[in-house]
């Protein structure tokens, strides 16, 4: 997470680890968290089909991420096509 790494490496590492557990290791090559801003976790994905797949699982993933990071840390997840 480029924006998290500056000064908050441990938070970025924790979120990356939580993300891996939330979506599964086999899916990490298709989706990567890149920014946490005002409680919104921005995730880059490599295709529109992965946006669709993760959108269908978003509620479940959000619950897992809230359990990992805390209810007040992550309030929502936004999926965007972008560089991984």
PDB file of N, CA and C in Angstrom:
ATOM      1  N   UNK A   1       0.852  -1.170   0.000  1.00  0.00           N
ATOM      2  CA  UNK A   1       0.000   0.000   0.000  1.00  0.00           C
ATOM      3  C   UNK A   1       0.894   1.228   0.000  1.00  0.00           C
ATOM      4  N   UNK A   2       1.024   1.784  -1.132  1.00  0.00           N
ATOM      5  CA  UNK A   2       1.960   2.892  -1.287  1.00  0.00           C
ATOM      6  C   UNK A   2       1.702   4.015  -0.297  1.00  0.00           C
ATOM      7  N   UNK A   3       0.485   4.471  -0.161  1.00  0.00           N
ATOM      8  CA  UNK A   3       0.200   5.626   0.690  1.00  0.00           C
ATOM      9  C   UNK A   3       0.284   5.272   2.163  1.00  0.00           C
ATOM     10  N   UNK A   4       0.057   4.030   2.499  1.00  0.00           N
ATOM     11  CA  UNK A   4       0.153   3.626   3.897  1.00  0.00           C
ATOM     12  C   UNK A   4       1.593   3.385   4.316  1.00  0.00           C
ATOM     13  N   UNK A   5       2.436   3.023   3.368  1.00  0.00           N
ATOM     14  CA  UNK A   5       3.800   2.661   3.719  1.00  0.00           C
ATOM     15  C   UNK A   5       4.596   3.838   4.247  1.00  0.00           C
ATOM     16  N   UNK A   6       4.309   5.028   3.829  1.00  0.00           N
ATOM     17  CA  UNK A   6       5.051   6.179   4.308  1.00  0.00           C
ATOM     18  C   UNK A   6       4.644   6.486   5.740  1.00  0.00           C
ATOM     19  N   UNK A   7       5.487   6.069   6.668  1.00  0.00           N
ATOM     20  CA  UNK A   7       5.260   6.375   8.070  1.00  0.00           C
ATOM     21  C   UNK A   7       4.355   5.410   8.803  1.00  0.00           C
ATOM     22  N   UNK A   8       3.683   4.529   8.094  1.00  0.00           N
ATOM     23  CA  UNK A   8       2.773   3.605   8.763  1.00  0.00           C
ATOM     24  C   UNK A   8       2.941   2.199   8.199  1.00  0.00           C
ATOM     25  N   UNK A   9       4.171   1.748   8.106  1.00  0.00           N
ATOM     26  CA  UNK A   9       4.448   0.445   7.517  1.00  0.00           C
ATOM     27  C   UNK A   9       3.761  -0.696   8.232  1.00  0.00           C
ATOM     28  N   UNK A  10       3.719  -0.652   9.549  1.00  0.00           N
ATOM     29  CA  UNK A  10       3.103  -1.753  10.279  1.00  0.00           C
ATOM     30  C   UNK A  10       1.608  -1.833   9.991  1.00  0.00           C
ATOM     31  N   UNK A  11       0.947  -0.684   9.830  1.00  0.00           N
ATOM     32  CA  UNK A  11      -0.475  -0.688   9.487  1.00  0.00           C
ATOM     33  C   UNK A  11      -0.670  -1.266   8.088  1.00  0.00           C
ATOM     34  N   UNK A  12       0.194  -0.905   7.159  1.00  0.00           N
ATOM     35  CA  UNK A  12       0.101  -1.435   5.800  1.00  0.00           C
ATOM     36  C   UNK A  12       0.308  -2.944   5.805  1.00  0.00           C
ATOM     37  N   UNK A  13       1.280  -3.411   6.555  1.00  0.00           N
ATOM     38  CA  UNK A  13       1.537  -4.849   6.642  1.00  0.00           C
ATOM     39  C   UNK A  13       0.343  -5.577   7.238  1.00  0.00           C
ATOM     40  N   UNK A  14      -0.235  -5.021   8.279  1.00  0.00           N
ATOM     41  CA  UNK A  14      -1.395  -5.643   8.924  1.00  0.00           C
ATOM     42  C   UNK A  14      -2.586  -5.698   7.976  1.00  0.00           C
ATOM     43  N   UNK A  15      -2.826  -4.614   7.241  1.00  0.00           N
ATOM     44  CA  UNK A  15      -3.940  -4.596   6.294  1.00  0.00           C
ATOM     45  C   UNK A  15      -3.703  -5.560   5.134  1.00  0.00           C
ATOM     46  N   UNK A  16      -2.476  -5.628   4.654  1.00  0.00           N
ATOM     47  CA  UNK A  16      -2.161  -6.573   3.579  1.00  0.00           C
ATOM     48  C   UNK A  16      -2.364  -8.006   4.046  1.00  0.00           C
ATOM     49  N   UNK A  17      -1.926  -8.306   5.250  1.00  0.00           N
ATOM     50  CA  UNK A  17      -2.103  -9.655   5.805  1.00  0.00           C
ATOM     51  C   UNK A  17      -3.589  -9.960   5.993  1.00  0.00           C
ATOM     52  N   UNK A  18      -4.325  -9.002   6.513  1.00  0.00           N
ATOM     53  CA  UNK A  18      -5.767  -9.179   6.678  1.00  0.00           C
ATOM     54  C   UNK A  18      -6.469  -9.375   5.354  1.00  0.00           C
ATOM     55  N   UNK A  19      -6.053  -8.610   4.348  1.00  0.00           N
ATOM     56  CA  UNK A  19      -6.634  -8.736   3.013  1.00  0.00           C
ATOM     57  C   UNK A  19      -6.382 -10.141   2.457  1.00  0.00           C
ATOM     58  N   UNK A  20      -5.168 -10.641   2.638  1.00  0.00           N
ATOM     59  CA  UNK A  20      -4.834 -11.984   2.157  1.00  0.00           C
ATOM     60  C   UNK A  20      -5.734 -13.033   2.807  1.00  0.00           C
ATOM     61  N   UNK A  21      -5.975 -12.896   4.100  1.00  0.00           N
ATOM     62  CA  UNK A  21      -6.858 -13.845   4.787  1.00  0.00           C
ATOM     63  C   UNK A  21      -8.313 -13.672   4.343  1.00  0.00           C
ATOM     64  N   UNK A  22      -8.714 -12.445   4.053  1.00  0.00           N
ATOM     65  CA  UNK A  22     -10.106 -12.170   3.689  1.00  0.00           C
ATOM     66  C   UNK A  22     -10.464 -12.711   2.303  1.00  0.00           C
ATOM     67  N   UNK A  23      -9.555 -12.598   1.342  1.00  0.00           N
ATOM     68  CA  UNK A  23      -9.898 -13.036  -0.019  1.00  0.00           C
ATOM     69  C   UNK A  23      -9.238 -14.353  -0.397  1.00  0.00           C
ATOM     70  N   UNK A  24      -8.271 -14.796   0.366  1.00  0.00           N
ATOM     71  CA  UNK A  24      -7.576 -16.040   0.059  1.00  0.00           C
ATOM     72  C   UNK A  24      -6.306 -15.788  -0.736  1.00  0.00           C
ATOM     73  N   UNK A  25      -5.277 -16.531  -0.411  1.00  0.00           N
ATOM     74  CA  UNK A  25      -3.958 -16.354  -1.041  1.00  0.00           C
ATOM     75  C   UNK A  25      -4.009 -16.484  -2.561  1.00  0.00           C
ATOM     76  N   UNK A  26      -4.831 -17.406  -3.066  1.00  0.00           N
ATOM     77  CA  UNK A  26      -4.882 -17.646  -4.513  1.00  0.00           C
ATOM     78  C   UNK A  26      -5.449 -16.461  -5.287  1.00  0.00           C
ATOM     79  N   UNK A  27      -6.144 -15.552  -4.628  1.00  0.00           N
ATOM     80  CA  UNK A  27      -6.743 -14.397  -5.291  1.00  0.00           C
ATOM     81  C   UNK A  27      -5.889 -13.131  -5.212  1.00  0.00           C
ATOM     82  N   UNK A  28      -4.802 -13.181  -4.479  1.00  0.00           N
ATOM     83  CA  UNK A  28      -3.985 -11.981  -4.268  1.00  0.00           C
ATOM     84  C   UNK A  28      -3.377 -11.423  -5.549  1.00  0.00           C
ATOM     85  N   UNK A  29      -3.164 -12.255  -6.524  1.00  0.00           N
ATOM     86  CA  UNK A  29      -2.558 -11.738  -7.758  1.00  0.00           C
ATOM     87  C   UNK A  29      -3.542 -10.924  -8.587  1.00  0.00           C
ATOM     88  N   UNK A  30      -4.823 -10.919  -8.195  1.00  0.00           N
ATOM     89  CA  UNK A  30      -5.845 -10.182  -8.927  1.00  0.00           C
ATOM     90  C   UNK A  30      -6.330  -8.922  -8.216  1.00  0.00           C
ATOM     91  N   UNK A  31      -6.048  -8.797  -6.925  1.00  0.00           N
ATOM     92  CA  UNK A  31      -6.566  -7.660  -6.154  1.00  0.00           C
ATOM     93  C   UNK A  31      -5.603  -7.298  -5.038  1.00  0.00           C
ATOM     94  N   UNK A  32      -5.360  -5.983  -4.903  1.00  0.00           N
ATOM     95  CA  UNK A  32      -4.396  -5.516  -3.903  1.00  0.00           C
ATOM     96  C   UNK A  32      -4.885  -4.212  -3.282  1.00  0.00           C
ATOM     97  N   UNK A  33      -4.910  -4.143  -1.941  1.00  0.00           N
ATOM     98  CA  UNK A  33      -5.257  -2.877  -1.302  1.00  0.00           C
ATOM     99  C   UNK A  33      -4.132  -1.868  -1.529  1.00  0.00           C
ATOM    100  N   UNK A  34      -4.498  -0.639  -1.877  1.00  0.00           N
ATOM    101  CA  UNK A  34      -3.488   0.373  -2.185  1.00  0.00           C
ATOM    102  C   UNK A  34      -3.580   1.611  -1.306  1.00  0.00           C
ATOM    103  N   UNK A  35      -4.735   1.841  -0.684  1.00  0.00           N
ATOM    104  CA  UNK A  35      -4.889   3.062   0.107  1.00  0.00           C
ATOM    105  C   UNK A  35      -6.026   2.886   1.107  1.00  0.00           C
ATOM    106  N   UNK A  36      -5.842   3.493   2.265  1.00  0.00           N
ATOM    107  CA  UNK A  36      -6.910   3.579   3.260  1.00  0.00           C
ATOM    108  C   UNK A  36      -7.099   5.051   3.558  1.00  0.00           C
ATOM    109  N   UNK A  37      -8.266   5.567   3.209  1.00  0.00           N
ATOM    110  CA  UNK A  37      -8.526   6.995   3.360  1.00  0.00           C
ATOM    111  C   UNK A  37      -9.904   7.190   3.971  1.00  0.00           C
ATOM    112  N   UNK A  38      -9.947   7.829   5.125  1.00  0.00           N
ATOM    113  CA  UNK A  38     -11.210   8.121   5.809  1.00  0.00           C
ATOM    114  C   UNK A  38     -12.064   6.868   5.999  1.00  0.00           C
ATOM    115  N   UNK A  39     -11.416   5.761   6.313  1.00  0.00           N
ATOM    116  CA  UNK A  39     -12.137   4.526   6.574  1.00  0.00           C
ATOM    117  C   UNK A  39     -12.513   3.726   5.339  1.00  0.00           C
ATOM    118  N   UNK A  40     -12.123   4.198   4.169  1.00  0.00           N
ATOM    119  CA  UNK A  40     -12.436   3.493   2.921  1.00  0.00           C
ATOM    120  C   UNK A  40     -11.167   2.837   2.392  1.00  0.00           C
ATOM    121  N   UNK A  41     -11.219   1.524   2.275  1.00  0.00           N
ATOM    122  CA  UNK A  41     -10.099   0.764   1.740  1.00  0.00           C
ATOM    123  C   UNK A  41     -10.223   0.720   0.227  1.00  0.00           C
ATOM    124  N   UNK A  42      -9.259   1.322  -0.462  1.00  0.00           N
ATOM    125  CA  UNK A  42      -9.233   1.338  -1.927  1.00  0.00           C
ATOM    126  C   UNK A  42      -8.442   0.120  -2.377  1.00  0.00           C
ATOM    127  N   UNK A  43      -9.067  -0.684  -3.235  1.00  0.00           N
ATOM    128  CA  UNK A  43      -8.443  -1.916  -3.714  1.00  0.00           C
ATOM    129  C   UNK A  43      -8.362  -1.864  -5.232  1.00  0.00           C
ATOM    130  N   UNK A  44      -7.150  -2.087  -5.760  1.00  0.00           N
ATOM    131  CA  UNK A  44      -6.981  -2.186  -7.200  1.00  0.00           C
ATOM    132  C   UNK A  44      -7.133  -3.637  -7.617  1.00  0.00           C
ATOM    133  N   UNK A  45      -7.867  -3.844  -8.697  1.00  0.00           N
ATOM    134  CA  UNK A  45      -8.049  -5.172  -9.271  1.00  0.00           C
ATOM    135  C   UNK A  45      -7.597  -5.142 -10.721  1.00  0.00           C
ATOM    136  N   UNK A  46      -7.318  -6.324 -11.269  1.00  0.00           N
ATOM    137  CA  UNK A  46      -6.732  -6.350 -12.606  1.00  0.00           C
ATOM    138  C   UNK A  46      -7.729  -6.469 -13.755  1.00  0.00           C
ATOM    139  N   UNK A  47      -9.020  -6.613 -13.461  1.00  0.00           N
ATOM    140  CA  UNK A  47     -10.000  -6.702 -14.555  1.00  0.00           C
ATOM    141  C   UNK A  47     -11.408  -6.442 -14.031  1.00  0.00           C
ATOM    142  N   UNK A  48     -12.299  -6.150 -14.961  1.00  0.00           N
ATOM    143  CA  UNK A  48     -13.688  -5.919 -14.582  1.00  0.00           C
ATOM    144  C   UNK A  48     -14.338  -7.200 -14.056  1.00  0.00           C
ATOM    145  N   UNK A  49     -13.896  -8.342 -14.527  1.00  0.00           N
ATOM    146  CA  UNK A  49     -14.460  -9.591 -14.018  1.00  0.00           C
ATOM    147  C   UNK A  49     -14.110  -9.793 -12.546  1.00  0.00           C
ATOM    148  N   UNK A  50     -12.936  -9.333 -12.127  1.00  0.00           N
ATOM    149  CA  UNK A  50     -12.572  -9.428 -10.712  1.00  0.00           C
ATOM    150  C   UNK A  50     -13.316  -8.393  -9.884  1.00  0.00           C
ATOM    151  N   UNK A  51     -13.604  -7.238 -10.453  1.00  0.00           N
ATOM    152  CA  UNK A  51     -14.448  -6.273  -9.738  1.00  0.00           C
ATOM    153  C   UNK A  51     -15.806  -6.912  -9.471  1.00  0.00           C
ATOM    154  N   UNK A  52     -16.355  -7.572 -10.487  1.00  0.00           N
ATOM    155  CA  UNK A  52     -17.657  -8.226 -10.323  1.00  0.00           C
ATOM    156  C   UNK A  52     -17.587  -9.328  -9.265  1.00  0.00           C
ATOM    157  N   UNK A  53     -16.584 -10.178  -9.357  1.00  0.00           N
ATOM    158  CA  UNK A  53     -16.441 -11.291  -8.405  1.00  0.00           C
ATOM    159  C   UNK A  53     -16.338 -10.769  -6.979  1.00  0.00           C
ATOM    160  N   UNK A  54     -15.459  -9.800  -6.753  1.00  0.00           N
ATOM    161  CA  UNK A  54     -15.264  -9.274  -5.401  1.00  0.00           C
ATOM    162  C   UNK A  54     -16.457  -8.444  -4.939  1.00  0.00           C
ATOM    163  N   UNK A  55     -17.145  -7.801  -5.857  1.00  0.00           N
ATOM    164  CA  UNK A  55     -18.358  -7.058  -5.489  1.00  0.00           C
ATOM    165  C   UNK A  55     -19.420  -7.999  -4.930  1.00  0.00           C
ATOM    166  N   UNK A  56     -19.517  -9.177  -5.519  1.00  0.00           N
ATOM    167  CA  UNK A  56     -20.489 -10.156  -5.047  1.00  0.00           C
ATOM    168  C   UNK A  56     -20.135 -10.661  -3.640  1.00  0.00           C
ATOM    169  N   UNK A  57     -18.855 -10.622  -3.298  1.00  0.00           N
ATOM    170  CA  UNK A  57     -18.389 -11.105  -2.001  1.00  0.00           C
ATOM    171  C   UNK A  57     -18.043  -9.962  -1.037  1.00  0.00           C
ATOM    172  N   UNK A  58     -18.346  -8.738  -1.440  1.00  0.00           N
ATOM    173  CA  UNK A  58     -17.918  -7.556  -0.693  1.00  0.00           C
ATOM    174  C   UNK A  58     -18.392  -7.551   0.760  1.00  0.00           C
ATOM    175  N   UNK A  59     -19.629  -7.891   1.013  1.00  0.00           N
ATOM    176  CA  UNK A  59     -20.144  -7.867   2.385  1.00  0.00           C
ATOM    177  C   UNK A  59     -19.351  -8.816   3.280  1.00  0.00           C
ATOM    178  N   UNK A  60     -19.077 -10.000   2.790  1.00  0.00           N
ATOM    179  CA  UNK A  60     -18.311 -10.987   3.551  1.00  0.00           C
ATOM    180  C   UNK A  60     -16.872 -10.509   3.768  1.00  0.00           C
ATOM    181  N   UNK A  61     -16.270  -9.967   2.723  1.00  0.00           N
ATOM    182  CA  UNK A  61     -14.895  -9.469   2.821  1.00  0.00           C
ATOM    183  C   UNK A  61     -14.822  -8.301   3.801  1.00  0.00           C
ATOM    184  N   UNK A  62     -15.807  -7.404   3.746  1.00  0.00           N
ATOM    185  CA  UNK A  62     -15.823  -6.243   4.634  1.00  0.00           C
ATOM    186  C   UNK A  62     -15.904  -6.679   6.094  1.00  0.00           C
ATOM    187  N   UNK A  63     -16.721  -7.659   6.398  1.00  0.00           N
ATOM    188  CA  UNK A  63     -16.819  -8.170   7.770  1.00  0.00           C
ATOM    189  C   UNK A  63     -15.468  -8.719   8.223  1.00  0.00           C
ATOM    190  N   UNK A  64     -14.817  -9.489   7.355  1.00  0.00           N
ATOM    191  CA  UNK A  64     -13.503 -10.045   7.700  1.00  0.00           C
ATOM    192  C   UNK A  64     -12.478  -8.941   7.923  1.00  0.00           C
ATOM    193  N   UNK A  65     -12.493  -7.928   7.056  1.00  0.00           N
ATOM    194  CA  UNK A  65     -11.528  -6.837   7.200  1.00  0.00           C
ATOM    195  C   UNK A  65     -11.797  -6.023   8.458  1.00  0.00           C
ATOM    196  N   UNK A  66     -13.055  -5.820   8.811  1.00  0.00           N
ATOM    197  CA  UNK A  66     -13.379  -5.112  10.048  1.00  0.00           C
ATOM    198  C   UNK A  66     -12.901  -5.915  11.248  1.00  0.00           C
ATOM    199  N   UNK A  67     -13.016  -7.226  11.194  1.00  0.00           N
ATOM    200  CA  UNK A  67     -12.517  -8.070  12.275  1.00  0.00           C
ATOM    201  C   UNK A  67     -11.001  -7.997  12.365  1.00  0.00           C
ATOM    202  N   UNK A  68     -10.340  -7.907  11.225  1.00  0.00           N
ATOM    203  CA  UNK A  68      -8.876  -7.837  11.186  1.00  0.00           C
ATOM    204  C   UNK A  68      -8.355  -6.491  11.690  1.00  0.00           C
ATOM    205  N   UNK A  69      -8.949  -5.417  11.189  1.00  0.00           N
ATOM    206  CA  UNK A  69      -8.399  -4.076  11.434  1.00  0.00           C
ATOM    207  C   UNK A  69      -9.151  -3.293  12.496  1.00  0.00           C
ATOM    208  N   UNK A  70     -10.386  -3.671  12.742  1.00  0.00           N
ATOM    209  CA  UNK A  70     -11.202  -2.925  13.696  1.00  0.00           C
ATOM    210  C   UNK A  70     -12.372  -2.254  13.002  1.00  0.00           C
ATOM    211  N   UNK A  71     -13.492  -2.213  13.690  1.00  0.00           N
ATOM    212  CA  UNK A  71     -14.722  -1.628  13.142  1.00  0.00           C
ATOM    213  C   UNK A  71     -14.539  -0.173  12.721  1.00  0.00           C
ATOM    214  N   UNK A  72     -13.760   0.572  13.500  1.00  0.00           N
ATOM    215  CA  UNK A  72     -13.602   2.003  13.230  1.00  0.00           C
ATOM    216  C   UNK A  72     -12.525   2.309  12.197  1.00  0.00           C
ATOM    217  N   UNK A  73     -11.726   1.310  11.809  1.00  0.00           N
ATOM    218  CA  UNK A  73     -10.641   1.532  10.852  1.00  0.00           C
ATOM    219  C   UNK A  73     -11.145   1.423   9.415  1.00  0.00           C
ATOM    220  N   UNK A  74     -11.897   0.370   9.124  1.00  0.00           N
ATOM    221  CA  UNK A  74     -12.402   0.150   7.768  1.00  0.00           C
ATOM    222  C   UNK A  74     -13.921   0.185   7.795  1.00  0.00           C
ATOM    223  N   UNK A  75     -14.475   1.130   7.051  1.00  0.00           N
ATOM    224  CA  UNK A  75     -15.927   1.282   6.992  1.00  0.00           C
ATOM    225  C   UNK A  75     -16.508   0.792   5.675  1.00  0.00           C
ATOM    226  N   UNK A  76     -15.694   0.817   4.615  1.00  0.00           N
ATOM    227  CA  UNK A  76     -16.160   0.402   3.301  1.00  0.00           C
ATOM    228  C   UNK A  76     -14.966  -0.003   2.444  1.00  0.00           C
ATOM    229  N   UNK A  77     -15.255  -0.686   1.361  1.00  0.00           N
ATOM    230  CA  UNK A  77     -14.237  -1.098   0.398  1.00  0.00           C
ATOM    231  C   UNK A  77     -14.670  -0.604  -0.976  1.00  0.00           C
ATOM    232  N   UNK A  78     -13.755   0.055  -1.671  1.00  0.00           N
ATOM    233  CA  UNK A  78     -13.999   0.511  -3.044  1.00  0.00           C
ATOM    234  C   UNK A  78     -13.065  -0.258  -3.967  1.00  0.00           C
ATOM    235  N   UNK A  79     -13.617  -0.831  -5.005  1.00  0.00           N
ATOM    236  CA  UNK A  79     -12.848  -1.613  -5.970  1.00  0.00           C
ATOM    237  C   UNK A  79     -12.671  -0.810  -7.246  1.00  0.00           C
ATOM    238  N   UNK A  80     -11.438  -0.776  -7.736  1.00  0.00           N
ATOM    239  CA  UNK A  80     -11.113  -0.042  -8.957  1.00  0.00           C
ATOM    240  C   UNK A  80     -10.130  -0.837  -9.800  1.00  0.00           C
ATOM    241  N   UNK A  81     -10.242  -0.722 -11.103  1.00  0.00           N
ATOM    242  CA  UNK A  81      -9.218  -1.306 -11.956  1.00  0.00           C
ATOM    243  C   UNK A  81      -7.990  -0.424 -11.846  1.00  0.00           C
ATOM    244  N   UNK A  82      -6.851  -1.035 -11.589  1.00  0.00           N
ATOM    245  CA  UNK A  82      -5.630  -0.260 -11.427  1.00  0.00           C
ATOM    246  C   UNK A  82      -4.413  -1.140 -11.374  1.00  0.00           C
ATOM    247  N   UNK A  83      -3.286  -0.498 -11.225  1.00  0.00           N
ATOM    248  CA  UNK A  83      -1.999  -1.169 -11.162  1.00  0.00           C
ATOM    249  C   UNK A  83      -1.864  -1.967  -9.877  1.00  0.00           C
ATOM    250  N   UNK A  84      -1.415  -3.205  -9.992  1.00  0.00           N
ATOM    251  CA  UNK A  84      -1.218  -4.050  -8.807  1.00  0.00           C
ATOM    252  C   UNK A  84       0.214  -4.012  -8.346  1.00  0.00           C
TER     253      UNK A  84
END
